[in-house]
Amino acid sequence: MRRIPTLTILLALPLTLALSACCEDEPAGLSEAREFYAARPVEERPKGGFQTVPEGLPDLRAATCGGCHTAIYDEWRVSTHGLAWVDPQFQQEITKSGNRWLCNNCHTPLLNQMEQWAVGLDENDVEKPRYVPNPDYDPAFRDEGITCASCHVRGGVIEGPTGAATPAHATRKAARFLDQTLCLECHQAVREYPGKTFTCVFNTGEEWKAGPFGKAAVSCQSCHMQEVERPVATGAASRRGRRHFFPGAGIPKFADKAPPLDQLFPGMDVAAVQAETALQLTLTNRAGHMLPTGDPERFITVTIRFVGPDDALIKEEVLRIGQLWEWWPAPKKLDDNRLTPGESRPVSVRRPDTAVAWTVEVRSHRINGEAAAYHGLADYPASRQTQKLEGRWEVAEAPGEVVVP
């Protein structure tokens, strides 16, 4: 049986490093870890750095934030951010390489969350890190993945888009919540690792900048965090804010934990026109980046089916949109037919002579079947349907009758 090479994906890696200044009572080993990470390329540094607990709060855990920010906490718990560490696919992938310290930088962005900190590399090999233990390690905090503090705590202060005052803790307005800055710390990271079977190819930020949304300064939040009017915290006045589902493609990591369907924003619009001899499709990328983007294993399928008068399947054609990579002996992109931002792509599929009806099903996929099987993810929700269209051609009811479509 052919062995499928390990695919290790490096996600959310930063453009800037938020490592707090040294403190007299900082944990043992933190200074050495800071020095190591500061010497590494920006793609290899922890996004959130090490953060101190704001005065008035007992800890940095999202569960604590949820005591007052109930609605936001409930959204985050089923989000891709909230499940970033416990994601079964991620957990399988990090067992197959020694580069786990790289993956930790995005799936648990705060040094506070990590069980151990990298302080060096043997033979300058990213798969041979030297570690020191985190003396304050809390497994429950680690399991929160991309937690509230990853984005909102800096220098012992809760930061946000408004900086609204509260007696609960110190607050401060930060401009990074009002544009793409915060998102691109995670979603723009490109780095090669010669001699390794993994690479970092998350180019969403550059895709966005080159497209119409980037040129018009339409922020990531505009699509990925829907606006809502509500109290931000218990007892607070209602005001405009944003949802924290971060649905992305909307493929759940667990069957029972997913944002509601009304929070999803299908990036691809599909239009169908019936011609006498063909079905004419137009696939349009409405997203501000390539479609799909991010993880190179993601892809979209458009399945066109034709049936006859007895509803029997006559013809099925599947279009695959995405990247194709070879991972062994070294990562190499073989093909890329993704939709560029704003692109409309015409597709014509010939109609079988006896076809009377058609359906078009669009699905977004996180991982293909072969890779899922290799990782032991048989029950993993690897895809979801995003659209379904259907139609019929008129059929003559009697011999000799002519019907114009």
Protein backbone atom coordinates (compact mmCIF):
# COMPACT_ATOMS: atom_id res chain seq x y z
CA MET A 1 0.00 0.00 0.00
CA ARG A 2 1.41 3.36 -0.99
CA ARG A 3 2.28 5.59 1.91
CA ILE A 4 0.80 9.04 1.63
CA PRO A 5 3.44 11.57 2.71
CA THR A 6 2.72 13.67 5.74
CA LEU A 7 1.15 17.02 5.03
CA THR A 8 1.93 19.48 7.77
CA ILE A 9 0.29 22.86 7.31
CA LEU A 10 1.48 25.94 9.12
CA LEU A 11 -1.50 28.15 9.78
CA ALA A 12 -2.02 31.59 11.31
CA LEU A 13 1.49 33.04 11.48
CA PRO A 14 2.20 36.71 12.34
CA LEU A 15 3.48 39.76 10.54
CA THR A 16 4.29 41.41 13.86
CA LEU A 17 5.29 39.99 17.22
CA ALA A 18 3.61 41.06 20.44
CA LEU A 19 6.04 39.78 23.04
CA SER A 20 5.59 41.63 26.31
CA ALA A 21 8.47 43.33 28.00
CA CYS A 22 10.33 41.36 30.64
CA CYS A 23 8.97 41.41 34.15
CA GLU A 24 10.69 40.71 37.45
CA ASP A 25 8.26 37.88 38.23
CA GLU A 26 8.04 36.37 34.75
CA PRO A 27 8.01 32.57 34.48
CA ALA A 28 11.29 30.70 34.34
CA GLY A 29 12.46 30.10 30.79
CA LEU A 30 10.36 32.88 29.25
CA SER A 31 13.31 35.19 28.66
CA GLU A 32 15.19 32.47 26.76
CA ALA A 33 12.09 31.71 24.70
CA ARG A 34 11.59 35.38 23.87
CA GLU A 35 15.17 35.63 22.65
CA PHE A 36 14.77 32.56 20.44
CA TYR A 37 11.48 33.64 18.85
CA ALA A 38 12.72 37.20 18.29
CA ALA A 39 15.63 35.81 16.24
CA ARG A 40 13.33 33.72 14.02
CA PRO A 41 11.56 34.96 10.84
CA VAL A 42 8.25 36.68 11.55
CA GLU A 43 6.33 33.67 10.16
CA GLU A 44 7.74 31.55 13.00
CA ARG A 45 6.87 33.75 15.96
CA PRO A 46 3.86 33.38 18.29
CA LYS A 47 1.09 35.72 17.19
CA GLY A 48 0.03 36.80 20.65
CA GLY A 49 3.32 36.65 22.52
CA PHE A 50 3.19 36.41 26.31
CA GLN A 51 0.48 38.46 28.00
CA THR A 52 -0.20 39.45 31.60
CA VAL A 53 -3.68 39.17 33.10
CA PRO A 54 -5.52 42.52 33.09
CA GLU A 55 -6.31 43.88 36.54
CA GLY A 56 -9.81 42.85 37.61
CA LEU A 57 -9.69 39.46 35.85
CA PRO A 58 -8.61 36.15 37.42
CA ASP A 59 -7.07 34.73 34.22
CA LEU A 60 -6.93 34.98 30.43
CA ARG A 61 -9.33 32.15 29.62
CA ALA A 62 -12.20 32.67 27.19
CA ALA A 63 -14.49 30.93 29.66
CA THR A 64 -13.83 33.82 32.03
CA CYS A 65 -14.60 36.39 29.33
CA GLY A 66 -17.83 34.51 28.64
CA GLY A 67 -19.11 35.31 32.12
CA CYS A 68 -19.97 38.82 30.88
CA HIS A 69 -19.62 38.60 27.10
CA THR A 70 -22.07 35.72 26.85
CA ALA A 71 -23.28 36.05 23.26
CA ILE A 72 -19.79 36.58 21.85
CA TYR A 73 -18.47 33.63 23.85
CA ASP A 74 -21.23 31.33 22.58
CA GLU A 75 -20.38 32.30 18.99
CA TRP A 76 -16.65 31.86 19.47
CA ARG A 77 -17.09 28.37 21.01
CA VAL A 78 -18.35 26.94 17.70
CA SER A 79 -16.02 29.00 15.52
CA THR A 80 -12.97 27.89 13.57
CA HIS A 81 -10.89 29.98 15.99
CA GLY A 82 -12.35 28.40 19.11
CA LEU A 83 -11.77 24.89 17.74
CA ALA A 84 -8.35 25.55 16.21
CA TRP A 85 -6.43 23.36 18.68
CA VAL A 86 -8.90 20.50 19.16
CA ASP A 87 -9.60 20.16 15.41
CA PRO A 88 -9.16 16.40 14.69
CA GLN A 89 -7.32 17.02 11.42
CA PHE A 90 -4.83 19.34 13.09
CA GLN A 91 -4.30 16.91 15.96
CA GLN A 92 -3.50 14.13 13.50
CA GLU A 93 -1.11 16.27 11.49
CA ILE A 94 0.99 17.51 14.42
CA THR A 95 1.78 13.93 15.47
CA LYS A 96 3.61 13.29 12.19
CA SER A 97 6.41 15.85 12.35
CA GLY A 98 8.82 17.40 14.83
CA ASN A 99 7.82 20.91 13.76
CA ARG A 100 4.96 21.16 16.25
CA TRP A 101 6.41 24.34 17.77
CA LEU A 102 5.73 26.10 14.45
CA CYS A 103 2.09 24.98 14.41
CA ASN A 104 1.59 26.06 18.03
CA ASN A 105 2.28 29.65 17.03
CA CYS A 106 -1.12 29.89 15.35
CA HIS A 107 -3.30 27.23 16.91
CA THR A 108 -2.38 28.42 20.44
CA PRO A 109 -1.10 31.93 19.67
CA LEU A 110 -0.22 32.94 23.24
CA LEU A 111 2.98 31.68 24.85
CA ASN A 112 0.87 31.43 28.02
CA GLN A 113 -1.10 28.58 26.42
CA MET A 114 1.82 26.43 25.35
CA GLU A 115 2.93 23.37 27.32
CA GLN A 116 6.55 24.14 26.44
CA TRP A 117 8.48 26.87 24.67
CA ALA A 118 11.09 26.48 21.95
CA VAL A 119 14.44 27.97 22.92
CA GLY A 120 16.71 26.61 20.18
CA LEU A 121 17.18 24.18 17.32
CA ASP A 122 19.62 21.29 17.18
CA GLU A 123 21.56 21.37 13.91
CA ASN A 124 19.49 24.43 12.99
CA ASP A 125 16.71 22.00 12.06
CA VAL A 126 13.13 23.20 12.59
CA GLU A 127 12.13 19.59 13.29
CA LYS A 128 14.67 19.33 16.15
CA PRO A 129 13.62 22.00 18.64
CA ARG A 130 14.92 22.34 22.18
CA TYR A 131 12.25 23.15 24.76
CA VAL A 132 11.80 24.50 28.24
CA PRO A 133 8.56 23.78 30.14
CA ASN A 134 5.92 26.44 30.73
CA PRO A 135 5.65 26.40 34.55
CA ASP A 136 2.10 27.81 34.44
CA TYR A 137 0.78 25.50 31.73
CA ASP A 138 -3.01 25.05 31.79
CA PRO A 139 -4.36 22.37 29.40
CA ALA A 140 -7.85 23.90 29.45
CA PHE A 141 -6.42 27.25 28.34
CA ARG A 142 -4.45 25.54 25.57
CA ASP A 143 -7.59 23.79 24.33
CA GLU A 144 -9.23 27.17 23.75
CA GLY A 145 -7.05 27.56 20.66
CA ILE A 146 -7.32 31.05 19.20
CA THR A 147 -8.84 32.46 22.34
CA CYS A 148 -10.16 35.93 23.19
CA ALA A 149 -6.84 37.07 24.64
CA SER A 150 -5.03 36.08 21.44
CA CYS A 151 -6.42 39.20 19.79
CA HIS A 152 -7.75 41.38 22.60
CA VAL A 153 -5.13 41.38 25.40
CA ARG A 154 -1.96 43.43 25.06
CA GLY A 155 0.16 44.75 27.91
CA GLY A 156 -2.38 43.92 30.61
CA VAL A 157 -5.18 45.82 28.85
CA ILE A 158 -8.26 44.64 26.92
CA GLU A 159 -8.10 46.18 23.46
CA GLY A 160 -10.90 46.45 20.93
CA PRO A 161 -12.35 48.56 18.12
CA THR A 162 -13.94 51.15 20.43
CA GLY A 163 -12.05 51.08 23.73
CA ALA A 164 -15.35 51.60 25.56
CA ALA A 165 -14.75 52.08 29.28
CA THR A 166 -15.92 49.49 31.83
CA PRO A 167 -15.29 49.07 35.57
CA ALA A 168 -14.54 45.38 34.96
CA HIS A 169 -11.07 45.89 33.49
CA ALA A 170 -8.83 48.38 31.69
CA THR A 171 -9.71 48.99 28.03
CA ARG A 172 -8.03 50.65 25.09
CA LYS A 173 -8.97 51.35 21.46
CA ALA A 174 -6.69 49.72 18.89
CA ALA A 175 -6.72 50.57 15.20
CA ARG A 176 -5.84 46.99 14.17
CA PHE A 177 -9.46 45.97 14.80
CA LEU A 178 -10.73 48.46 12.24
CA ASP A 179 -8.86 47.25 9.17
CA GLN A 180 -7.14 44.13 7.87
CA THR A 181 -4.08 44.37 10.13
CA LEU A 182 -5.12 41.87 12.79
CA CYS A 183 -6.39 39.30 10.30
CA LEU A 184 -3.29 39.43 8.15
CA GLU A 185 -1.08 38.66 11.14
CA CYS A 186 -2.58 35.17 10.83
CA HIS A 187 -3.59 34.81 7.22
CA GLN A 188 -0.49 35.98 5.37
CA ALA A 189 2.46 33.64 5.84
CA VAL A 190 4.61 32.25 3.06
CA ARG A 191 7.84 30.41 3.80
CA GLU A 192 9.67 27.47 2.26
CA TYR A 193 11.54 24.74 4.17
CA PRO A 194 14.06 23.11 1.81
CA GLY A 195 14.47 19.40 2.41
CA LYS A 196 11.17 19.13 4.30
CA THR A 197 7.80 17.71 3.26
CA PHE A 198 5.89 20.75 4.49
CA THR A 199 5.71 24.38 3.50
CA CYS A 200 3.87 27.54 4.47
CA VAL A 201 1.79 28.91 1.60
CA PHE A 202 -0.92 31.01 3.22
CA ASN A 203 -1.10 33.96 0.84
CA THR A 204 -4.60 35.28 1.54
CA GLY A 205 -3.32 38.72 2.49
CA GLU A 206 -1.47 39.27 -0.77
CA GLU A 207 -4.45 37.90 -2.71
CA TRP A 208 -6.68 40.41 -0.94
CA LYS A 209 -4.31 43.31 -1.58
CA ALA A 210 -4.14 42.54 -5.31
CA GLY A 211 -7.91 42.22 -5.70
CA PRO A 212 -10.74 44.77 -5.82
CA PHE A 213 -11.53 44.47 -2.09
CA GLY A 214 -7.96 45.27 -1.10
CA LYS A 215 -7.76 48.21 -3.47
CA ALA A 216 -11.02 49.56 -2.06
CA ALA A 217 -9.90 48.84 1.54
CA VAL A 218 -12.85 46.53 2.22
CA SER A 219 -11.76 44.79 5.42
CA CYS A 220 -11.84 41.06 6.15
CA GLN A 221 -14.38 41.70 8.90
CA SER A 222 -16.88 43.02 6.36
CA CYS A 223 -17.53 39.46 5.16
CA HIS A 224 -16.26 37.21 7.93
CA MET A 225 -17.77 39.00 10.97
CA GLN A 226 -21.36 40.06 10.35
CA GLU A 227 -22.53 43.28 11.96
CA VAL A 228 -25.09 43.04 14.75
CA GLU A 229 -26.83 45.41 17.17
CA ARG A 230 -26.74 44.10 20.76
CA PRO A 231 -25.23 44.63 24.21
CA VAL A 232 -21.57 43.64 24.06
CA ALA A 233 -21.62 42.54 27.70
CA THR A 234 -24.19 41.75 30.38
CA GLY A 235 -25.84 44.97 31.52
CA ALA A 236 -24.26 47.10 28.79
CA ALA A 237 -26.18 49.33 26.39
CA SER A 238 -26.93 47.99 22.94
CA ARG A 239 -24.60 49.12 20.17
CA ARG A 240 -23.29 48.06 16.78
CA GLY A 241 -20.74 45.27 16.93
CA ARG A 242 -19.76 42.12 15.09
CA ARG A 243 -20.43 38.40 15.33
CA HIS A 244 -17.55 36.12 16.33
CA PHE A 245 -18.39 32.97 14.38
CA PHE A 246 -15.52 33.38 11.86
CA PRO A 247 -17.25 30.80 9.61
CA GLY A 248 -14.88 30.86 6.62
CA ALA A 249 -16.03 28.13 4.24
CA GLY A 250 -18.43 26.92 6.92
CA ILE A 251 -17.14 23.33 7.09
CA PRO A 252 -17.58 22.24 10.72
CA LYS A 253 -14.70 20.63 12.58
CA PHE A 254 -17.25 18.69 14.62
CA ALA A 255 -20.69 17.69 13.36
CA ASP A 256 -22.42 19.28 16.36
CA LYS A 257 -20.34 22.46 16.51
CA ALA A 258 -20.75 24.89 13.65
CA PRO A 259 -21.94 28.44 12.98
CA PRO A 260 -25.59 28.70 11.86
CA LEU A 261 -26.14 28.64 8.12
CA ASP A 262 -27.29 32.26 8.02
CA GLN A 263 -23.77 33.32 9.03
CA LEU A 264 -22.16 31.75 5.98
CA PHE A 265 -21.09 33.79 2.99
CA PRO A 266 -20.62 31.52 -0.05
CA GLY A 267 -17.62 32.96 -1.84
CA MET A 268 -18.70 31.63 -5.20
CA ASP A 269 -21.87 32.68 -7.00
CA VAL A 270 -23.27 30.14 -9.46
CA ALA A 271 -25.66 31.06 -12.28
CA ALA A 272 -27.16 28.58 -14.77
CA VAL A 273 -28.81 29.18 -18.15
CA GLN A 274 -30.54 26.40 -20.12
CA ALA A 275 -29.66 26.31 -23.81
CA GLU A 276 -31.18 23.76 -26.18
CA THR A 277 -28.03 21.66 -26.38
CA ALA A 278 -26.10 22.66 -23.26
CA LEU A 279 -26.24 23.94 -19.72
CA GLN A 280 -24.33 27.22 -19.45
CA LEU A 281 -22.83 27.97 -16.03
CA THR A 282 -21.11 31.10 -14.79
CA LEU A 283 -18.93 30.76 -11.67
CA THR A 284 -18.14 34.11 -10.04
CA ASN A 285 -15.76 34.73 -7.15
CA ARG A 286 -17.43 37.22 -4.81
CA ALA A 287 -14.73 36.90 -2.13
CA GLY A 288 -11.87 39.32 -1.63
CA HIS A 289 -9.24 36.62 -2.18
CA MET A 290 -8.57 33.56 -4.32
CA LEU A 291 -11.23 30.90 -4.10
CA PRO A 292 -10.55 28.71 -2.28
CA THR A 293 -7.78 30.33 -0.23
CA GLY A 294 -5.52 29.37 2.67
CA ASP A 295 -4.81 25.69 3.22
CA PRO A 296 -3.69 24.26 -0.16
CA GLU A 297 -5.72 21.10 0.47
CA ARG A 298 -8.99 23.00 0.22
CA PHE A 299 -10.97 22.67 -2.97
CA ILE A 300 -14.46 23.19 -4.42
CA THR A 301 -16.43 20.74 -6.54
CA VAL A 302 -19.22 21.65 -8.95
CA THR A 303 -21.16 18.49 -9.85
CA ILE A 304 -23.53 18.64 -12.84
CA ARG A 305 -26.03 15.78 -13.24
CA PHE A 306 -28.50 15.11 -16.08
CA VAL A 307 -31.47 12.73 -15.75
CA GLY A 308 -33.93 11.27 -18.24
CA PRO A 309 -37.75 10.98 -18.19
CA ASP A 310 -37.56 8.08 -15.72
CA ASP A 311 -35.30 10.12 -13.39
CA ALA A 312 -32.39 7.78 -14.15
CA LEU A 313 -28.95 9.42 -14.15
CA ILE A 314 -27.69 9.86 -17.73
CA LYS A 315 -24.55 11.91 -17.23
CA GLU A 316 -22.48 13.33 -14.36
CA GLU A 317 -19.61 15.78 -14.70
CA VAL A 318 -17.50 17.08 -11.82
CA LEU A 319 -15.45 20.28 -11.96
CA ARG A 320 -12.69 20.61 -9.34
CA ILE A 321 -11.49 24.09 -8.40
CA GLY A 322 -8.38 24.37 -6.26
CA GLN A 323 -4.68 23.58 -6.07
CA LEU A 324 -2.92 20.27 -6.68
CA TRP A 325 0.30 19.62 -4.80
CA GLU A 326 2.92 16.91 -4.70
CA TRP A 327 4.31 16.53 -1.17
CA TRP A 328 6.97 13.90 -1.70
CA PRO A 329 9.96 14.04 -1.94
CA ALA A 330 9.46 17.82 -1.62
CA PRO A 331 6.44 20.16 -1.80
CA LYS A 332 5.68 21.18 -5.36
CA LYS A 333 2.56 22.83 -6.78
CA LEU A 334 1.38 20.92 -9.84
CA ASP A 335 -1.71 22.90 -10.79
CA ASP A 336 -3.85 25.81 -9.65
CA ASN A 337 -7.20 26.62 -11.29
CA ARG A 338 -8.66 28.72 -8.48
CA LEU A 339 -10.87 31.72 -9.18
CA THR A 340 -9.17 35.09 -8.78
CA PRO A 341 -11.03 37.84 -6.89
CA GLY A 342 -13.89 39.14 -9.02
CA GLU A 343 -13.36 36.54 -11.77
CA SER A 344 -16.37 35.15 -13.66
CA ARG A 345 -15.64 31.84 -15.37
CA PRO A 346 -18.02 30.43 -18.01
CA VAL A 347 -18.55 26.67 -18.13
CA SER A 348 -20.57 24.90 -20.81
CA VAL A 349 -21.73 21.31 -20.31
CA ARG A 350 -23.33 19.47 -23.23
CA ARG A 351 -26.88 18.29 -22.65
CA PRO A 352 -27.47 14.60 -23.45
CA ASP A 353 -30.20 14.22 -26.08
CA THR A 354 -32.56 12.41 -23.69
CA ALA A 355 -32.00 14.64 -20.66
CA VAL A 356 -35.10 16.33 -19.25
CA ALA A 357 -33.73 17.72 -15.99
CA TRP A 358 -30.47 18.81 -14.37
CA THR A 359 -28.98 19.63 -10.98
CA VAL A 360 -25.83 21.54 -10.02
CA GLU A 361 -24.39 20.86 -6.57
CA VAL A 362 -21.52 22.96 -5.18
CA ARG A 363 -19.48 21.63 -2.27
CA SER A 364 -16.57 23.09 -0.33
CA HIS A 365 -13.95 20.58 0.83
CA ARG A 366 -11.33 20.81 3.57
CA ILE A 367 -9.48 17.58 2.76
CA ASN A 368 -9.72 14.85 0.12
CA GLY A 369 -10.74 11.27 0.86
CA GLU A 370 -7.27 9.77 0.48
CA ALA A 371 -5.68 12.18 2.96
CA ALA A 372 -8.61 11.81 5.38
CA ALA A 373 -8.19 8.04 5.34
CA TYR A 374 -4.44 8.35 5.96
CA HIS A 375 -5.11 10.49 9.01
CA GLY A 376 -7.82 8.14 10.30
CA LEU A 377 -10.55 10.74 9.82
CA ALA A 378 -13.29 8.57 8.37
CA ASP A 379 -16.05 10.37 10.30
CA TYR A 380 -14.54 13.85 9.99
CA PRO A 381 -16.90 16.41 8.35
CA ALA A 382 -14.55 17.12 5.47
CA SER A 383 -16.99 19.03 3.23
CA ARG A 384 -20.34 20.80 3.07
CA GLN A 385 -22.83 21.73 0.38
CA THR A 386 -22.91 25.46 -0.29
CA GLN A 387 -25.36 25.68 -3.20
CA LYS A 388 -27.75 23.55 -5.20
CA LEU A 389 -29.52 24.55 -8.41
CA GLU A 390 -31.94 22.52 -10.51
CA GLY A 391 -34.12 22.86 -13.58
CA ARG A 392 -36.02 21.03 -16.33
CA TRP A 393 -36.34 21.25 -20.07
CA GLU A 394 -39.82 21.23 -21.53
CA VAL A 395 -40.64 17.95 -23.26
CA ALA A 396 -43.08 17.31 -26.15
CA GLU A 397 -46.15 15.52 -24.79
CA ALA A 398 -47.21 13.93 -28.12
CA PRO A 399 -45.37 12.70 -31.19
CA GLY A 400 -44.76 15.46 -33.68
CA GLU A 401 -45.33 18.26 -31.21
CA VAL A 402 -42.57 20.93 -31.27
CA VAL A 403 -41.63 22.68 -28.09
CA VAL A 404 -39.21 25.63 -28.15
CA PRO A 405 -37.05 25.73 -25.02
